[in-house]
Amino acid sequence: MRIIRDPLFGKIGEVASMPADLQKIPTESEVRVMEVRFADGSKAVIPRTNIELIEGA
């Protein structure tokens, strides 16, 4: 999967988890998020709307 919004635009990772509950993001909005694991082992929590699936990856 690829992140399609700044500040991590273009980074590719894999799903680490998909919490079911809404979570508050820095803009104070409550959204569904996905925890993404990158190749270097780092993780980030990203709103699901900022993710695109890469087929066959």
C-alpha atoms as a PDB file:
ATOM      1  CA  MET A   1       0.000   0.000   0.000  1.00  0.00           C
ATOM      2  CA  ARG A   2       1.076   3.576  -0.618  1.00  0.00           C
ATOM      3  CA  ILE A   3       0.432   6.771   1.319  1.00  0.00           C
ATOM      4  CA  ILE A   4      -1.157   9.484  -0.832  1.00  0.00           C
ATOM      5  CA  ARG A   5      -0.951  12.564   1.439  1.00  0.00           C
ATOM      6  CA  ASP A   6       1.879  14.589   2.958  1.00  0.00           C
ATOM      7  CA  PRO A   7       4.020  14.366   5.012  1.00  0.00           C
ATOM      8  CA  LEU A   8       4.618  10.705   4.046  1.00  0.00           C
ATOM      9  CA  PHE A   9       3.413  10.994   0.440  1.00  0.00           C
ATOM     10  CA  GLY A  10       4.646   8.146  -1.750  1.00  0.00           C
ATOM     11  CA  LYS A  11       5.964   5.919   1.038  1.00  0.00           C
ATOM     12  CA  ILE A  12       5.148   2.253   0.589  1.00  0.00           C
ATOM     13  CA  GLY A  13       4.408  -0.085   3.475  1.00  0.00           C
ATOM     14  CA  GLU A  14       2.194  -2.890   4.689  1.00  0.00           C
ATOM     15  CA  VAL A  15      -0.739  -3.054   7.064  1.00  0.00           C
ATOM     16  CA  ALA A  16       0.341  -3.595  10.674  1.00  0.00           C
ATOM     17  CA  SER A  17      -3.164  -3.162  12.143  1.00  0.00           C
ATOM     18  CA  MET A  18      -6.565  -1.647  11.423  1.00  0.00           C
ATOM     19  CA  PRO A  19      -8.155  -0.467  14.693  1.00  0.00           C
ATOM     20  CA  ALA A  20     -11.960  -0.559  14.504  1.00  0.00           C
ATOM     21  CA  ASP A  21     -12.552   2.472  16.733  1.00  0.00           C
ATOM     22  CA  LEU A  22     -12.397   6.067  15.533  1.00  0.00           C
ATOM     23  CA  GLN A  23      -9.204   7.860  16.546  1.00  0.00           C
ATOM     24  CA  LYS A  24      -8.517  11.566  16.908  1.00  0.00           C
ATOM     25  CA  ILE A  25      -5.861  12.897  14.540  1.00  0.00           C
ATOM     26  CA  PRO A  26      -3.857  16.149  14.895  1.00  0.00           C
ATOM     27  CA  THR A  27      -6.604  18.158  13.138  1.00  0.00           C
ATOM     28  CA  GLU A  28      -8.971  17.067  15.957  1.00  0.00           C
ATOM     29  CA  SER A  29     -11.104  15.057  13.501  1.00  0.00           C
ATOM     30  CA  GLU A  30     -12.087  11.526  14.483  1.00  0.00           C
ATOM     31  CA  VAL A  31     -11.366   9.066  11.689  1.00  0.00           C
ATOM     32  CA  ARG A  32     -10.688   5.406  11.026  1.00  0.00           C
ATOM     33  CA  VAL A  33      -6.956   4.796  10.831  1.00  0.00           C
ATOM     34  CA  MET A  34      -4.491   2.149   9.758  1.00  0.00           C
ATOM     35  CA  GLU A  35      -1.144   1.410  11.362  1.00  0.00           C
ATOM     36  CA  VAL A  36       1.418   1.050   8.577  1.00  0.00           C
ATOM     37  CA  ARG A  37       4.770  -0.747   8.870  1.00  0.00           C
ATOM     38  CA  PHE A  38       7.552   0.411   6.538  1.00  0.00           C
ATOM     39  CA  ALA A  39      10.513  -1.606   5.209  1.00  0.00           C
ATOM     40  CA  ASP A  40      12.874  -0.016   7.764  1.00  0.00           C
ATOM     41  CA  GLY A  41      10.671  -1.330  10.607  1.00  0.00           C
ATOM     42  CA  SER A  42       9.197   2.048  11.542  1.00  0.00           C
ATOM     43  CA  LYS A  43       5.438   2.460  11.926  1.00  0.00           C
ATOM     44  CA  ALA A  44       2.974   5.298  11.393  1.00  0.00           C
ATOM     45  CA  VAL A  45      -0.741   5.753  12.058  1.00  0.00           C
ATOM     46  CA  ILE A  46      -2.436   7.078   8.914  1.00  0.00           C
ATOM     47  CA  PRO A  47      -6.088   7.932   8.180  1.00  0.00           C
ATOM     48  CA  ARG A  48      -7.469   5.175   5.949  1.00  0.00           C
ATOM     49  CA  THR A  49      -8.596   7.711   3.353  1.00  0.00           C
ATOM     50  CA  ASN A  50      -4.920   8.630   2.818  1.00  0.00           C
ATOM     51  CA  ILE A  51      -3.984   5.105   1.696  1.00  0.00           C
ATOM     52  CA  GLU A  52      -4.179   3.409  -1.688  1.00  0.00           C
ATOM     53  CA  LEU A  53      -3.849  -0.294  -2.353  1.00  0.00           C
ATOM     54  CA  ILE A  54      -1.127  -1.373  -4.745  1.00  0.00           C
ATOM     55  CA  GLU A  55      -2.329  -4.493  -6.554  1.00  0.00           C
ATOM     56  CA  GLY A  56       0.080  -7.402  -6.583  1.00  0.00           C
ATOM     57  CA  ALA A  57       2.475  -5.808  -4.105  1.00  0.00           C
END
